[in-house]
Amino acid sequence: VKINDTQIKLTSTEYDLLSLLARNEGKVLTHQYLLKEIWGPGFINQSQYLRVFIAQLRKKIETDPNRPLYIQTESGVGYRFTAS
């Protein structure tokens, strides 16, 4: 993954999560859907996994992780990726 010609190192799980979000740009993906797709059906209720990995991704790809532009939180539902 590159941001402004700078290569960003991601773990395989971070990459899978970012890739899934990016392929569904503009769509809200629920917590349960993301957990099932990335970690498997046994992790649907493990929302802490998702919060940790979203926070790690934001630190790596956002200019200001506290005011994310790319990975938006949809409170109580999930996350939405926007490229602009």
Protein backbone atom coordinates (compact mmCIF):
# COMPACT_ATOMS: atom_id res chain seq x y z
CA VAL A 1 0.00 0.00 0.00
CA LYS A 2 1.31 3.45 -0.90
CA ILE A 3 0.24 6.84 0.37
CA ASN A 4 1.71 9.84 -1.46
CA ASP A 5 4.49 7.65 -2.92
CA THR A 6 5.39 6.37 0.54
CA GLN A 7 5.08 2.65 1.06
CA ILE A 8 3.08 1.73 4.17
CA LYS A 9 3.78 -1.62 5.82
CA LEU A 10 0.64 -3.50 6.80
CA THR A 11 0.17 -6.85 8.46
CA SER A 12 -1.73 -9.41 6.39
CA THR A 13 -4.84 -8.86 8.51
CA GLU A 14 -4.60 -5.07 8.16
CA TYR A 15 -4.20 -5.49 4.41
CA ASP A 16 -7.18 -7.85 4.17
CA LEU A 17 -9.34 -5.45 6.17
CA LEU A 18 -8.30 -2.38 4.18
CA SER A 19 -8.75 -4.27 0.91
CA LEU A 20 -12.27 -5.37 1.87
CA LEU A 21 -13.22 -1.84 2.87
CA ALA A 22 -11.72 -0.35 -0.31
CA ARG A 23 -13.46 -2.86 -2.60
CA ASN A 24 -16.73 -1.71 -1.05
CA GLU A 25 -15.97 2.01 -1.17
CA GLY A 26 -18.90 4.14 -0.08
CA LYS A 27 -20.82 1.23 1.45
CA VAL A 28 -21.28 0.73 5.16
CA LEU A 29 -19.94 -2.67 6.15
CA THR A 30 -21.32 -3.95 9.45
CA HIS A 31 -19.14 -5.02 12.33
CA GLN A 32 -20.45 -8.58 12.01
CA TYR A 33 -19.77 -8.73 8.26
CA LEU A 34 -16.21 -7.47 8.65
CA LEU A 35 -15.47 -9.86 11.51
CA LYS A 36 -16.89 -12.83 9.61
CA GLU A 37 -15.03 -12.02 6.39
CA ILE A 38 -11.64 -11.30 8.00
CA TRP A 39 -11.52 -13.56 11.07
CA GLY A 40 -14.24 -16.13 10.32
CA PRO A 41 -17.71 -16.94 11.64
CA GLY A 42 -16.45 -17.79 15.13
CA PHE A 43 -15.43 -14.14 15.68
CA ILE A 44 -18.72 -12.38 14.86
CA ASN A 45 -19.12 -11.19 18.46
CA GLN A 46 -15.47 -10.14 18.91
CA SER A 47 -15.87 -6.46 18.04
CA GLN A 48 -12.75 -5.58 20.05
CA TYR A 49 -10.63 -7.24 17.33
CA LEU A 50 -12.15 -4.93 14.77
CA ARG A 51 -11.70 -1.77 16.86
CA VAL A 52 -8.02 -2.56 17.43
CA PHE A 53 -7.29 -3.20 13.75
CA ILE A 54 -9.26 -0.15 12.57
CA ALA A 55 -7.27 1.99 15.02
CA GLN A 56 -3.99 0.51 13.71
CA LEU A 57 -5.01 1.16 10.10
CA ARG A 58 -5.99 4.72 10.89
CA LYS A 59 -2.60 5.37 12.49
CA LYS A 60 -0.91 4.12 9.35
CA ILE A 61 -3.04 5.69 6.59
CA GLU A 62 -4.73 8.76 8.06
CA THR A 63 -3.06 12.17 8.38
CA ASP A 64 -4.95 12.65 11.66
CA PRO A 65 -6.21 9.32 13.03
CA ASN A 66 -8.52 11.18 15.43
CA ARG A 67 -10.27 12.82 12.46
CA PRO A 68 -10.24 10.06 9.86
CA LEU A 69 -10.92 10.88 6.22
CA TYR A 70 -10.68 7.39 4.75
CA ILE A 71 -12.18 5.02 7.30
CA GLN A 72 -15.39 6.50 8.67
CA THR A 73 -17.22 5.08 11.68
CA GLU A 74 -20.94 4.56 11.30
CA SER A 75 -21.91 4.48 14.99
CA GLY A 76 -23.49 1.25 16.11
CA VAL A 77 -23.35 -0.20 12.59
CA GLY A 78 -19.85 -0.51 11.13
CA TYR A 79 -17.36 1.30 8.92
CA ARG A 80 -17.33 3.00 5.53
CA PHE A 81 -14.29 3.61 3.32
CA THR A 82 -14.06 6.75 1.22
CA ALA A 83 -11.11 7.44 -1.06
CA SER A 84 -11.50 11.20 -1.08
